[in-house]
PDB file of N, CA and C in Angstrom:
ATOM      1  N   UNK A   1       0.843  -1.161   0.000  1.00  0.00           N
ATOM      2  CA  UNK A   1       0.000   0.000   0.000  1.00  0.00           C
ATOM      3  C   UNK A   1       0.892   1.229   0.000  1.00  0.00           C
ATOM      4  N   UNK A   2       0.468   2.234  -0.749  1.00  0.00           N
ATOM      5  CA  UNK A   2       1.238   3.476  -0.853  1.00  0.00           C
ATOM      6  C   UNK A   2       0.466   4.630  -0.227  1.00  0.00           C
ATOM      7  N   UNK A   3       1.204   5.618   0.257  1.00  0.00           N
ATOM      8  CA  UNK A   3       0.548   6.817   0.790  1.00  0.00           C
ATOM      9  C   UNK A   3       0.222   7.772  -0.356  1.00  0.00           C
ATOM     10  N   UNK A   4      -0.258   8.945  -0.038  1.00  0.00           N
ATOM     11  CA  UNK A   4      -0.672   9.909  -1.069  1.00  0.00           C
ATOM     12  C   UNK A   4       0.470  10.411  -1.937  1.00  0.00           C
ATOM     13  N   UNK A   5       1.706  10.325  -1.434  1.00  0.00           N
ATOM     14  CA  UNK A   5       2.864  10.777  -2.213  1.00  0.00           C
ATOM     15  C   UNK A   5       3.490   9.647  -3.026  1.00  0.00           C
ATOM     16  N   UNK A   6       2.986   8.426  -2.861  1.00  0.00           N
ATOM     17  CA  UNK A   6       3.494   7.292  -3.619  1.00  0.00           C
ATOM     18  C   UNK A   6       4.474   6.403  -2.877  1.00  0.00           C
ATOM     19  N   UNK A   7       4.818   6.771  -1.641  1.00  0.00           N
ATOM     20  CA  UNK A   7       5.744   5.948  -0.851  1.00  0.00           C
ATOM     21  C   UNK A   7       5.036   4.727  -0.292  1.00  0.00           C
ATOM     22  N   UNK A   8       5.722   3.605  -0.276  1.00  0.00           N
ATOM     23  CA  UNK A   8       5.156   2.386   0.297  1.00  0.00           C
ATOM     24  C   UNK A   8       5.134   2.534   1.811  1.00  0.00           C
ATOM     25  N   UNK A   9       3.955   2.326   2.406  1.00  0.00           N
ATOM     26  CA  UNK A   9       3.821   2.445   3.861  1.00  0.00           C
ATOM     27  C   UNK A   9       3.598   1.098   4.523  1.00  0.00           C
ATOM     28  N   UNK A  10       3.163   0.101   3.776  1.00  0.00           N
ATOM     29  CA  UNK A  10       2.929  -1.201   4.367  1.00  0.00           C
ATOM     30  C   UNK A  10       2.113  -2.090   3.460  1.00  0.00           C
ATOM     31  N   UNK A  11       1.603  -3.176   4.043  1.00  0.00           N
ATOM     32  CA  UNK A  11       0.733  -4.057   3.271  1.00  0.00           C
ATOM     33  C   UNK A  11      -0.297  -4.728   4.161  1.00  0.00           C
ATOM     34  N   UNK A  12      -1.317  -5.243   3.496  1.00  0.00           N
ATOM     35  CA  UNK A  12      -2.397  -5.968   4.152  1.00  0.00           C
ATOM     36  C   UNK A  12      -2.324  -7.407   3.673  1.00  0.00           C
ATOM     37  N   UNK A  13      -2.400  -8.322   4.607  1.00  0.00           N
ATOM     38  CA  UNK A  13      -2.325  -9.743   4.303  1.00  0.00           C
ATOM     39  C   UNK A  13      -3.608 -10.413   4.788  1.00  0.00           C
ATOM     40  N   UNK A  14      -4.190 -11.285   3.980  1.00  0.00           N
ATOM     41  CA  UNK A  14      -5.376 -12.019   4.429  1.00  0.00           C
ATOM     42  C   UNK A  14      -4.970 -13.420   4.849  1.00  0.00           C
ATOM     43  N   UNK A  15      -5.665 -13.946   5.837  1.00  0.00           N
ATOM     44  CA  UNK A  15      -5.357 -15.264   6.366  1.00  0.00           C
ATOM     45  C   UNK A  15      -6.660 -15.952   6.785  1.00  0.00           C
ATOM     46  N   UNK A  16      -6.830 -17.194   6.363  1.00  0.00           N
ATOM     47  CA  UNK A  16      -8.026 -17.946   6.740  1.00  0.00           C
ATOM     48  C   UNK A  16      -7.959 -18.312   8.216  1.00  0.00           C
ATOM     49  N   UNK A  17      -9.051 -18.124   8.898  1.00  0.00           N
ATOM     50  CA  UNK A  17      -9.185 -18.418  10.320  1.00  0.00           C
ATOM     51  C   UNK A  17     -10.375 -19.363  10.448  1.00  0.00           C
ATOM     52  N   UNK A  18     -10.438 -20.143  11.508  1.00  0.00           N
ATOM     53  CA  UNK A  18     -11.563 -21.057  11.706  1.00  0.00           C
ATOM     54  C   UNK A  18     -12.894 -20.309  11.730  1.00  0.00           C
ATOM     55  N   UNK A  19     -12.856 -19.027  12.104  1.00  0.00           N
ATOM     56  CA  UNK A  19     -14.068 -18.219  12.207  1.00  0.00           C
ATOM     57  C   UNK A  19     -14.299 -17.313  10.999  1.00  0.00           C
ATOM     58  N   UNK A  20     -13.397 -17.324  10.027  1.00  0.00           N
ATOM     59  CA  UNK A  20     -13.528 -16.474   8.844  1.00  0.00           C
ATOM     60  C   UNK A  20     -12.171 -15.978   8.380  1.00  0.00           C
ATOM     61  N   UNK A  21     -12.176 -14.927   7.592  1.00  0.00           N
ATOM     62  CA  UNK A  21     -10.931 -14.353   7.077  1.00  0.00           C
ATOM     63  C   UNK A  21     -10.491 -13.215   7.979  1.00  0.00           C
ATOM     64  N   UNK A  22      -9.215 -13.235   8.332  1.00  0.00           N
ATOM     65  CA  UNK A  22      -8.615 -12.160   9.130  1.00  0.00           C
ATOM     66  C   UNK A  22      -7.676 -11.385   8.217  1.00  0.00           C
ATOM     67  N   UNK A  23      -7.491 -10.100   8.530  1.00  0.00           N
ATOM     68  CA  UNK A  23      -6.609  -9.242   7.757  1.00  0.00           C
ATOM     69  C   UNK A  23      -5.554  -8.660   8.681  1.00  0.00           C
ATOM     70  N   UNK A  24      -4.307  -8.837   8.304  1.00  0.00           N
ATOM     71  CA  UNK A  24      -3.186  -8.356   9.099  1.00  0.00           C
ATOM     72  C   UNK A  24      -2.607  -7.108   8.434  1.00  0.00           C
ATOM     73  N   UNK A  25      -2.483  -6.041   9.205  1.00  0.00           N
ATOM     74  CA  UNK A  25      -1.896  -4.800   8.700  1.00  0.00           C
ATOM     75  C   UNK A  25      -0.447  -4.722   9.172  1.00  0.00           C
ATOM     76  N   UNK A  26       0.447  -4.452   8.234  1.00  0.00           N
ATOM     77  CA  UNK A  26       1.863  -4.340   8.569  1.00  0.00           C
ATOM     78  C   UNK A  26       2.419  -3.069   7.957  1.00  0.00           C
ATOM     79  N   UNK A  27       3.100  -2.273   8.790  1.00  0.00           N
ATOM     80  CA  UNK A  27       3.685  -1.005   8.341  1.00  0.00           C
ATOM     81  C   UNK A  27       5.175  -1.202   8.095  1.00  0.00           C
ATOM     82  N   UNK A  28       5.668  -0.607   7.015  1.00  0.00           N
ATOM     83  CA  UNK A  28       7.096  -0.667   6.706  1.00  0.00           C
ATOM     84  C   UNK A  28       7.851   0.307   7.591  1.00  0.00           C
ATOM     85  N   UNK A  29       8.919  -0.183   8.226  1.00  0.00           N
ATOM     86  CA  UNK A  29       9.782   0.628   9.086  1.00  0.00           C
ATOM     87  C   UNK A  29      11.126   0.754   8.370  1.00  0.00           C
ATOM     88  N   UNK A  30      11.341   1.913   7.741  1.00  0.00           N
ATOM     89  CA  UNK A  30      12.515   2.117   6.889  1.00  0.00           C
ATOM     90  C   UNK A  30      13.860   1.896   7.587  1.00  0.00           C
ATOM     91  N   UNK A  31      14.070   2.427   8.813  1.00  0.00           N
ATOM     92  CA  UNK A  31      15.390   2.233   9.439  1.00  0.00           C
ATOM     93  C   UNK A  31      15.783   0.759   9.617  1.00  0.00           C
ATOM     94  N   UNK A  32      14.820  -0.097   9.899  1.00  0.00           N
ATOM     95  CA  UNK A  32      15.138  -1.514  10.097  1.00  0.00           C
ATOM     96  C   UNK A  32      14.887  -2.348   8.845  1.00  0.00           C
ATOM     97  N   UNK A  33      14.301  -1.704   7.814  1.00  0.00           N
ATOM     98  CA  UNK A  33      13.963  -2.404   6.569  1.00  0.00           C
ATOM     99  C   UNK A  33      13.083  -3.614   6.827  1.00  0.00           C
ATOM    100  N   UNK A  34      12.139  -3.467   7.730  1.00  0.00           N
ATOM    101  CA  UNK A  34      11.254  -4.577   8.096  1.00  0.00           C
ATOM    102  C   UNK A  34       9.818  -4.071   8.230  1.00  0.00           C
ATOM    103  N   UNK A  35       8.899  -5.011   8.194  1.00  0.00           N
ATOM    104  CA  UNK A  35       7.499  -4.682   8.417  1.00  0.00           C
ATOM    105  C   UNK A  35       7.147  -4.956   9.868  1.00  0.00           C
ATOM    106  N   UNK A  36       6.380  -4.057  10.464  1.00  0.00           N
ATOM    107  CA  UNK A  36       5.947  -4.211  11.857  1.00  0.00           C
ATOM    108  C   UNK A  36       4.441  -4.377  11.899  1.00  0.00           C
ATOM    109  N   UNK A  37       4.004  -5.341  12.661  1.00  0.00           N
ATOM    110  CA  UNK A  37       2.572  -5.641  12.743  1.00  0.00           C
ATOM    111  C   UNK A  37       1.809  -4.545  13.484  1.00  0.00           C
ATOM    112  N   UNK A  38       0.665  -4.164  12.918  1.00  0.00           N
ATOM    113  CA  UNK A  38      -0.228  -3.203  13.563  1.00  0.00           C
ATOM    114  C   UNK A  38      -1.456  -3.906  14.129  1.00  0.00           C
ATOM    115  N   UNK A  39      -1.588  -5.194  13.864  1.00  0.00           N
ATOM    116  CA  UNK A  39      -2.702  -5.963  14.396  1.00  0.00           C
ATOM    117  C   UNK A  39      -3.450  -6.741  13.330  1.00  0.00           C
ATOM    118  N   UNK A  40      -4.415  -7.532  13.794  1.00  0.00           N
ATOM    119  CA  UNK A  40      -5.270  -8.325  12.909  1.00  0.00           C
ATOM    120  C   UNK A  40      -6.702  -7.846  13.049  1.00  0.00           C
ATOM    121  N   UNK A  41      -7.428  -7.872  11.925  1.00  0.00           N
ATOM    122  CA  UNK A  41      -8.767  -7.311  11.882  1.00  0.00           C
ATOM    123  C   UNK A  41      -9.710  -8.226  11.117  1.00  0.00           C
ATOM    124  N   UNK A  42     -11.017  -8.061  11.368  1.00  0.00           N
ATOM    125  CA  UNK A  42     -12.025  -8.872  10.696  1.00  0.00           C
ATOM    126  C   UNK A  42     -12.442  -8.296   9.355  1.00  0.00           C
ATOM    127  N   UNK A  43     -12.057  -7.067   9.043  1.00  0.00           N
ATOM    128  CA  UNK A  43     -12.390  -6.512   7.728  1.00  0.00           C
ATOM    129  C   UNK A  43     -11.155  -5.846   7.128  1.00  0.00           C
ATOM    130  N   UNK A  44     -11.068  -5.919   5.804  1.00  0.00           N
ATOM    131  CA  UNK A  44      -9.957  -5.289   5.104  1.00  0.00           C
ATOM    132  C   UNK A  44     -10.014  -3.771   5.287  1.00  0.00           C
ATOM    133  N   UNK A  45     -11.217  -3.211   5.309  1.00  0.00           N
ATOM    134  CA  UNK A  45     -11.369  -1.766   5.496  1.00  0.00           C
ATOM    135  C   UNK A  45     -10.772  -1.302   6.815  1.00  0.00           C
ATOM    136  N   UNK A  46     -10.994  -2.082   7.853  1.00  0.00           N
ATOM    137  CA  UNK A  46     -10.432  -1.755   9.177  1.00  0.00           C
ATOM    138  C   UNK A  46      -8.901  -1.772   9.138  1.00  0.00           C
ATOM    139  N   UNK A  47      -8.351  -2.799   8.521  1.00  0.00           N
ATOM    140  CA  UNK A  47      -6.894  -2.932   8.427  1.00  0.00           C
ATOM    141  C   UNK A  47      -6.292  -1.771   7.629  1.00  0.00           C
ATOM    142  N   UNK A  48      -6.940  -1.397   6.553  1.00  0.00           N
ATOM    143  CA  UNK A  48      -6.464  -0.280   5.737  1.00  0.00           C
ATOM    144  C   UNK A  48      -6.531   1.023   6.524  1.00  0.00           C
ATOM    145  N   UNK A  49      -7.622   1.219   7.227  1.00  0.00           N
ATOM    146  CA  UNK A  49      -7.794   2.442   8.017  1.00  0.00           C
ATOM    147  C   UNK A  49      -6.674   2.588   9.053  1.00  0.00           C
ATOM    148  N   UNK A  50      -6.356   1.507   9.743  1.00  0.00           N
ATOM    149  CA  UNK A  50      -5.286   1.535  10.748  1.00  0.00           C
ATOM    150  C   UNK A  50      -3.939   1.823  10.093  1.00  0.00           C
ATOM    151  N   UNK A  51      -3.708   1.210   8.966  1.00  0.00           N
ATOM    152  CA  UNK A  51      -2.441   1.409   8.262  1.00  0.00           C
ATOM    153  C   UNK A  51      -2.288   2.866   7.818  1.00  0.00           C
ATOM    154  N   UNK A  52      -3.333   3.464   7.318  1.00  0.00           N
ATOM    155  CA  UNK A  52      -3.246   4.833   6.819  1.00  0.00           C
ATOM    156  C   UNK A  52      -3.308   5.878   7.922  1.00  0.00           C
ATOM    157  N   UNK A  53      -3.908   5.541   9.074  1.00  0.00           N
ATOM    158  CA  UNK A  53      -4.053   6.500  10.172  1.00  0.00           C
ATOM    159  C   UNK A  53      -2.765   6.692  10.964  1.00  0.00           C
ATOM    160  N   UNK A  54      -1.841   5.820  10.857  1.00  0.00           N
ATOM    161  CA  UNK A  54      -0.625   5.911  11.681  1.00  0.00           C
ATOM    162  C   UNK A  54       0.444   6.682  10.988  1.00  0.00           C
TER     163      UNK A  54
END
């Protein structure tokens, strides 16, 4: 996922769960060159909102 200026800020990953599909939001941390988890959510919209709000 990219921000408004085109920089990559993170990604959303879907994962099957016994209760349905979960979405994991991960933000890119440039100094460590790694993705950091922001949490798991029941909707993709929620995961995107968290990723863009931070």
